[in-house]
Amino acid sequence: MALGFVLAGCGEQSAEEEPVDLQSLQLKVRALAVDTCHTRPRDQAPRKCEKYITQIANAARTVSTAGRINHEGLRDPGREMTRAVRDYNQGGCDNQRPKSVSACYRALETIAQAVKDVEAELEEIVQ
């Protein structure tokens, strides 16, 4: 009978609902924050930030999950990161001739601000 209760509990949470390792997330965000696409977005050709954007997209999913599960202060920055990644991708910023270079820079600047917000929030949460 006990086995039935243990197995019943296994299917109740999806993998996305598992707690996020905030220390690992903090390390990832710190690493992203030193990338030149973060520190000097307007000094880069937007297409040269494609790898950074891929890493940001992955981090944004983790930040959003942490915000949804139990760290509300991460919700908005996670959404901003996700939205700006979508804007970057939809704007063709990874191409030689994007739709709008200024829109690409805005996306990179939005991401940079969201990363700063995540860093600040994680500083408060992670002890």
N, C-alpha and C. Protein backbone atom coordinates (compact mmCIF):
# COMPACT_ATOMS: atom_id res chain seq x y z
N MET A 1 0.82 -1.19 0.00
CA MET A 1 0.00 0.00 0.00
C MET A 1 0.86 1.25 0.00
N ALA A 2 1.94 1.25 0.76
CA ALA A 2 2.81 2.42 0.82
C ALA A 2 3.43 2.71 -0.54
N LEU A 3 3.74 1.67 -1.29
CA LEU A 3 4.32 1.86 -2.61
C LEU A 3 3.35 2.63 -3.51
N GLY A 4 2.08 2.36 -3.38
CA GLY A 4 1.06 3.07 -4.17
C GLY A 4 1.09 4.57 -3.89
N PHE A 5 1.25 4.95 -2.64
CA PHE A 5 1.30 6.37 -2.30
C PHE A 5 2.57 7.03 -2.84
N VAL A 6 3.68 6.31 -2.77
CA VAL A 6 4.94 6.85 -3.28
C VAL A 6 4.85 7.05 -4.78
N LEU A 7 4.35 6.05 -5.49
CA LEU A 7 4.23 6.16 -6.94
C LEU A 7 3.21 7.22 -7.34
N ALA A 8 2.17 7.35 -6.59
CA ALA A 8 1.15 8.35 -6.90
C ALA A 8 1.74 9.75 -6.83
N GLY A 9 2.66 9.99 -5.95
CA GLY A 9 3.27 11.30 -5.81
C GLY A 9 4.24 11.63 -6.92
N CYS A 10 4.75 10.63 -7.61
CA CYS A 10 5.75 10.87 -8.64
C CYS A 10 5.21 11.63 -9.84
N GLY A 11 3.98 11.41 -10.20
CA GLY A 11 3.44 12.03 -11.39
C GLY A 11 2.79 13.38 -11.16
N GLU A 12 2.76 13.86 -9.93
CA GLU A 12 2.07 15.10 -9.65
C GLU A 12 2.83 16.33 -10.07
N GLN A 13 4.15 16.30 -10.10
CA GLN A 13 4.94 17.47 -10.49
C GLN A 13 5.64 17.19 -11.81
N SER A 14 5.61 18.19 -12.66
CA SER A 14 6.37 18.05 -13.90
C SER A 14 7.82 18.42 -13.62
N ALA A 15 8.69 18.13 -14.56
CA ALA A 15 10.11 18.46 -14.38
C ALA A 15 10.29 19.97 -14.21
N GLU A 16 9.42 20.77 -14.84
CA GLU A 16 9.52 22.22 -14.72
C GLU A 16 9.19 22.71 -13.32
N GLU A 17 8.45 21.95 -12.56
CA GLU A 17 8.04 22.37 -11.23
C GLU A 17 9.06 22.04 -10.15
N GLU A 18 10.11 21.34 -10.52
CA GLU A 18 11.13 21.01 -9.55
C GLU A 18 11.85 22.28 -9.14
N PRO A 19 12.29 22.37 -7.92
CA PRO A 19 13.00 23.58 -7.47
C PRO A 19 14.24 23.86 -8.33
N VAL A 20 14.48 25.13 -8.51
CA VAL A 20 15.63 25.57 -9.30
C VAL A 20 16.84 25.71 -8.38
N ASP A 21 17.98 25.27 -8.85
CA ASP A 21 19.23 25.44 -8.10
C ASP A 21 19.64 26.89 -8.27
N LEU A 22 19.32 27.72 -7.30
CA LEU A 22 19.55 29.16 -7.40
C LEU A 22 21.03 29.52 -7.42
N GLN A 23 21.85 28.75 -6.74
CA GLN A 23 23.29 29.04 -6.76
C GLN A 23 23.87 28.82 -8.16
N SER A 24 23.45 27.75 -8.81
CA SER A 24 23.91 27.50 -10.18
C SER A 24 23.39 28.58 -11.12
N LEU A 25 22.14 28.97 -10.93
CA LEU A 25 21.57 30.04 -11.74
C LEU A 25 22.34 31.34 -11.54
N GLN A 26 22.69 31.62 -10.31
CA GLN A 26 23.44 32.83 -10.01
C GLN A 26 24.80 32.82 -10.73
N LEU A 27 25.47 31.69 -10.71
CA LEU A 27 26.76 31.56 -11.41
C LEU A 27 26.58 31.77 -12.92
N LYS A 28 25.54 31.19 -13.47
CA LYS A 28 25.25 31.33 -14.91
C LYS A 28 25.00 32.79 -15.26
N VAL A 29 24.19 33.46 -14.46
CA VAL A 29 23.85 34.86 -14.72
C VAL A 29 25.10 35.74 -14.59
N ARG A 30 25.92 35.46 -13.62
CA ARG A 30 27.17 36.22 -13.47
C ARG A 30 28.06 36.04 -14.70
N ALA A 31 28.13 34.83 -15.22
CA ALA A 31 28.94 34.59 -16.42
C ALA A 31 28.37 35.33 -17.62
N LEU A 32 27.07 35.35 -17.75
CA LEU A 32 26.44 36.07 -18.85
C LEU A 32 26.66 37.58 -18.74
N ALA A 33 26.74 38.07 -17.51
CA ALA A 33 26.86 39.50 -17.26
C ALA A 33 28.23 40.06 -17.64
N VAL A 34 29.20 39.22 -17.91
CA VAL A 34 30.51 39.71 -18.33
C VAL A 34 30.72 39.60 -19.84
N ASP A 35 29.78 39.01 -20.53
CA ASP A 35 29.84 38.92 -21.98
C ASP A 35 29.75 40.32 -22.58
N THR A 36 30.51 40.58 -23.63
CA THR A 36 30.49 41.92 -24.24
C THR A 36 29.12 42.25 -24.85
N CYS A 37 28.34 41.27 -25.19
CA CYS A 37 26.98 41.54 -25.68
C CYS A 37 26.11 42.10 -24.56
N HIS A 38 26.49 41.82 -23.33
CA HIS A 38 25.80 42.36 -22.15
C HIS A 38 26.41 43.71 -21.75
N THR A 39 27.72 43.76 -21.65
CA THR A 39 28.37 44.96 -21.12
C THR A 39 28.41 46.11 -22.13
N ARG A 40 28.51 45.79 -23.41
CA ARG A 40 28.58 46.83 -24.44
C ARG A 40 27.77 46.41 -25.67
N PRO A 41 26.46 46.30 -25.52
CA PRO A 41 25.64 45.78 -26.62
C PRO A 41 25.73 46.61 -27.90
N ARG A 42 25.88 47.89 -27.78
CA ARG A 42 25.93 48.74 -28.99
C ARG A 42 27.29 48.72 -29.68
N ASP A 43 28.28 48.12 -29.04
CA ASP A 43 29.60 48.00 -29.66
C ASP A 43 29.73 46.71 -30.46
N GLN A 44 28.67 45.91 -30.49
CA GLN A 44 28.70 44.62 -31.17
C GLN A 44 27.82 44.66 -32.40
N ALA A 45 28.18 43.92 -33.41
CA ALA A 45 27.23 43.66 -34.49
C ALA A 45 26.22 42.69 -33.87
N PRO A 46 24.93 43.01 -33.93
CA PRO A 46 23.93 42.15 -33.26
C PRO A 46 24.06 40.67 -33.61
N ARG A 47 24.44 40.37 -34.84
CA ARG A 47 24.55 38.96 -35.24
C ARG A 47 25.66 38.24 -34.49
N LYS A 48 26.62 38.97 -33.98
CA LYS A 48 27.72 38.35 -33.23
C LYS A 48 27.30 37.96 -31.81
N CYS A 49 26.07 38.28 -31.45
CA CYS A 49 25.56 37.94 -30.12
C CYS A 49 24.67 36.70 -30.14
N GLU A 50 24.67 35.98 -31.23
CA GLU A 50 23.79 34.83 -31.38
C GLU A 50 24.01 33.78 -30.28
N LYS A 51 25.26 33.46 -29.97
CA LYS A 51 25.55 32.46 -28.93
C LYS A 51 25.09 32.98 -27.56
N TYR A 52 25.34 34.25 -27.30
CA TYR A 52 24.89 34.88 -26.06
C TYR A 52 23.37 34.78 -25.94
N ILE A 53 22.67 35.04 -27.03
CA ILE A 53 21.20 34.98 -27.03
C ILE A 53 20.72 33.57 -26.74
N THR A 54 21.37 32.58 -27.28
CA THR A 54 21.00 31.19 -26.99
C THR A 54 21.15 30.90 -25.50
N GLN A 55 22.26 31.36 -24.92
CA GLN A 55 22.48 31.15 -23.49
C GLN A 55 21.47 31.93 -22.66
N ILE A 56 21.14 33.13 -23.09
CA ILE A 56 20.14 33.94 -22.39
C ILE A 56 18.79 33.26 -22.45
N ALA A 57 18.44 32.71 -23.59
CA ALA A 57 17.14 32.02 -23.73
C ALA A 57 17.04 30.87 -22.73
N ASN A 58 18.12 30.12 -22.59
CA ASN A 58 18.13 29.01 -21.61
C ASN A 58 18.02 29.54 -20.19
N ALA A 59 18.77 30.58 -19.89
CA ALA A 59 18.71 31.17 -18.55
C ALA A 59 17.33 31.75 -18.27
N ALA A 60 16.72 32.36 -19.28
CA ALA A 60 15.39 32.96 -19.11
C ALA A 60 14.35 31.90 -18.72
N ARG A 61 14.45 30.72 -19.32
CA ARG A 61 13.53 29.64 -18.95
C ARG A 61 13.70 29.26 -17.48
N THR A 62 14.94 29.18 -17.04
CA THR A 62 15.22 28.82 -15.65
C THR A 62 14.74 29.93 -14.70
N VAL A 63 15.02 31.18 -15.06
CA VAL A 63 14.58 32.31 -14.25
C VAL A 63 13.06 32.33 -14.16
N SER A 64 12.38 32.13 -15.29
CA SER A 64 10.92 32.12 -15.30
C SER A 64 10.36 30.99 -14.45
N THR A 65 10.99 29.82 -14.52
CA THR A 65 10.55 28.70 -13.70
C THR A 65 10.71 29.03 -12.22
N ALA A 66 11.84 29.58 -11.84
CA ALA A 66 12.07 29.96 -10.43
C ALA A 66 11.04 31.01 -10.00
N GLY A 67 10.74 31.95 -10.87
CA GLY A 67 9.74 32.97 -10.55
C GLY A 67 8.35 32.40 -10.39
N ARG A 68 8.03 31.43 -11.21
CA ARG A 68 6.70 30.81 -11.16
C ARG A 68 6.55 29.93 -9.92
N ILE A 69 7.60 29.23 -9.55
CA ILE A 69 7.51 28.27 -8.45
C ILE A 69 7.51 28.95 -7.09
N ASN A 70 8.54 29.75 -6.81
CA ASN A 70 8.58 30.28 -5.44
C ASN A 70 9.41 31.55 -5.26
N HIS A 71 9.80 32.21 -6.32
CA HIS A 71 10.58 33.44 -6.19
C HIS A 71 9.97 34.50 -7.10
N GLU A 72 8.89 35.07 -6.65
CA GLU A 72 8.11 36.01 -7.45
C GLU A 72 8.92 37.15 -8.04
N GLY A 73 9.97 37.58 -7.34
CA GLY A 73 10.80 38.67 -7.82
C GLY A 73 11.54 38.37 -9.11
N LEU A 74 11.57 37.11 -9.51
CA LEU A 74 12.23 36.71 -10.75
C LEU A 74 11.27 36.64 -11.93
N ARG A 75 9.97 36.75 -11.66
CA ARG A 75 8.98 36.61 -12.74
C ARG A 75 9.15 37.66 -13.83
N ASP A 76 9.13 38.92 -13.44
CA ASP A 76 9.20 39.98 -14.45
C ASP A 76 10.51 39.98 -15.23
N PRO A 77 11.66 39.88 -14.55
CA PRO A 77 12.90 39.82 -15.35
C PRO A 77 12.94 38.61 -16.28
N GLY A 78 12.40 37.49 -15.83
CA GLY A 78 12.35 36.30 -16.70
C GLY A 78 11.50 36.54 -17.92
N ARG A 79 10.37 37.20 -17.73
CA ARG A 79 9.50 37.54 -18.86
C ARG A 79 10.18 38.52 -19.80
N GLU A 80 10.86 39.52 -19.24
CA GLU A 80 11.56 40.51 -20.07
C GLU A 80 12.64 39.85 -20.90
N MET A 81 13.39 38.95 -20.28
CA MET A 81 14.44 38.24 -21.01
C MET A 81 13.83 37.44 -22.16
N THR A 82 12.78 36.72 -21.87
CA THR A 82 12.12 35.90 -22.89
C THR A 82 11.58 36.75 -24.02
N ARG A 83 10.94 37.84 -23.68
CA ARG A 83 10.36 38.75 -24.68
C ARG A 83 11.47 39.35 -25.56
N ALA A 84 12.56 39.78 -24.94
CA ALA A 84 13.65 40.39 -25.71
C ALA A 84 14.35 39.36 -26.61
N VAL A 85 14.48 38.13 -26.15
CA VAL A 85 15.05 37.07 -26.99
C VAL A 85 14.15 36.85 -28.20
N ARG A 86 12.85 36.83 -27.97
CA ARG A 86 11.90 36.66 -29.08
C ARG A 86 12.04 37.84 -30.07
N ASP A 87 12.15 39.06 -29.54
CA ASP A 87 12.31 40.24 -30.41
C ASP A 87 13.60 40.14 -31.23
N TYR A 88 14.67 39.72 -30.59
CA TYR A 88 15.95 39.54 -31.28
C TYR A 88 15.79 38.52 -32.42
N ASN A 89 15.20 37.39 -32.10
CA ASN A 89 15.05 36.33 -33.11
C ASN A 89 14.10 36.74 -34.23
N GLN A 90 12.97 37.32 -33.88
CA GLN A 90 11.99 37.72 -34.90
C GLN A 90 12.51 38.88 -35.75
N GLY A 91 13.41 39.67 -35.19
CA GLY A 91 13.98 40.78 -35.93
C GLY A 91 15.11 40.37 -36.86
N GLY A 92 15.42 39.08 -36.87
CA GLY A 92 16.50 38.61 -37.73
C GLY A 92 17.85 39.17 -37.32
N CYS A 93 18.00 39.43 -36.05
CA CYS A 93 19.22 40.07 -35.54
C CYS A 93 20.45 39.18 -35.69
N ASP A 94 20.24 37.90 -35.92
CA ASP A 94 21.36 36.99 -36.09
C ASP A 94 21.82 36.93 -37.55
N ASN A 95 21.22 37.74 -38.39
CA ASN A 95 21.56 37.79 -39.81
C ASN A 95 22.45 38.99 -40.13
N GLN A 96 23.06 38.93 -41.28
CA GLN A 96 23.90 40.04 -41.76
C GLN A 96 23.07 41.32 -41.89
N ARG A 97 21.83 41.19 -42.33
CA ARG A 97 20.95 42.35 -42.52
C ARG A 97 19.65 42.15 -41.74
N PRO A 98 19.65 42.53 -40.47
CA PRO A 98 18.43 42.40 -39.68
C PRO A 98 17.36 43.39 -40.15
N LYS A 99 16.13 43.15 -39.74
CA LYS A 99 15.03 44.05 -40.11
C LYS A 99 15.30 45.46 -39.61
N SER A 100 15.80 45.57 -38.38
CA SER A 100 16.08 46.88 -37.79
C SER A 100 17.22 46.73 -36.79
N VAL A 101 18.36 47.32 -37.10
CA VAL A 101 19.50 47.24 -36.21
C VAL A 101 19.17 47.89 -34.86
N SER A 102 18.43 49.00 -34.89
CA SER A 102 18.08 49.66 -33.64
C SER A 102 17.19 48.77 -32.77
N ALA A 103 16.30 48.01 -33.40
CA ALA A 103 15.46 47.07 -32.64
C ALA A 103 16.32 45.97 -32.03
N CYS A 104 17.35 45.56 -32.74
CA CYS A 104 18.27 44.54 -32.21
C CYS A 104 19.00 45.08 -30.98
N TYR A 105 19.46 46.32 -31.08
CA TYR A 105 20.14 46.92 -29.93
C TYR A 105 19.19 47.09 -28.75
N ARG A 106 17.95 47.45 -29.03
CA ARG A 106 16.97 47.57 -27.94
C ARG A 106 16.76 46.23 -27.26
N ALA A 107 16.69 45.16 -28.05
CA ALA A 107 16.52 43.82 -27.47
C ALA A 107 17.71 43.48 -26.58
N LEU A 108 18.93 43.75 -27.06
CA LEU A 108 20.12 43.46 -26.27
C LEU A 108 20.16 44.31 -25.00
N GLU A 109 19.75 45.56 -25.09
CA GLU A 109 19.73 46.42 -23.90
C GLU A 109 18.65 45.98 -22.91
N THR A 110 17.51 45.53 -23.41
CA THR A 110 16.46 45.02 -22.53
C THR A 110 16.95 43.78 -21.80
N ILE A 111 17.64 42.91 -22.53
CA ILE A 111 18.20 41.71 -21.91
C ILE A 111 19.22 42.11 -20.84
N ALA A 112 20.08 43.06 -21.15
CA ALA A 112 21.11 43.49 -20.19
C ALA A 112 20.46 43.98 -18.91
N GLN A 113 19.41 44.77 -19.02
CA GLN A 113 18.73 45.28 -17.83
C GLN A 113 18.07 44.14 -17.06
N ALA A 114 17.45 43.22 -17.76
CA ALA A 114 16.80 42.09 -17.10
C ALA A 114 17.83 41.22 -16.37
N VAL A 115 18.98 41.03 -16.98
CA VAL A 115 20.05 40.25 -16.33
C VAL A 115 20.49 40.96 -15.05
N LYS A 116 20.63 42.28 -15.10
CA LYS A 116 20.98 43.04 -13.90
C LYS A 116 19.92 42.87 -12.82
N ASP A 117 18.66 42.89 -13.23
CA ASP A 117 17.56 42.70 -12.27
C ASP A 117 17.60 41.31 -11.65
N VAL A 118 17.89 40.31 -12.46
CA VAL A 118 18.00 38.93 -11.95
C VAL A 118 19.18 38.84 -10.98
N GLU A 119 20.30 39.42 -11.36
CA GLU A 119 21.48 39.41 -10.47
C GLU A 119 21.13 40.01 -9.11
N ALA A 120 20.47 41.15 -9.12
CA ALA A 120 20.11 41.83 -7.87
C ALA A 120 19.16 40.97 -7.04
N GLU A 121 18.18 40.38 -7.69
CA GLU A 121 17.21 39.55 -6.99
C GLU A 121 17.89 38.31 -6.40
N LEU A 122 18.77 37.69 -7.16
CA LEU A 122 19.48 36.51 -6.66
C LEU A 122 20.40 36.85 -5.51
N GLU A 123 20.98 38.04 -5.52
CA GLU A 123 21.81 38.47 -4.39
C GLU A 123 20.99 38.48 -3.10
N GLU A 124 19.74 38.85 -3.22
CA GLU A 124 18.86 38.91 -2.04
C GLU A 124 18.42 37.51 -1.59
N ILE A 125 18.21 36.63 -2.57
CA ILE A 125 17.66 35.30 -2.28
C ILE A 125 18.75 34.33 -1.83
N VAL A 126 19.85 34.28 -2.56
CA VAL A 126 20.91 33.29 -2.31
C VAL A 126 21.81 33.81 -1.19
N GLN A 127 21.93 33.05 -0.16
CA GLN A 127 22.75 33.44 0.99
C GLN A 127 23.98 32.58 1.04
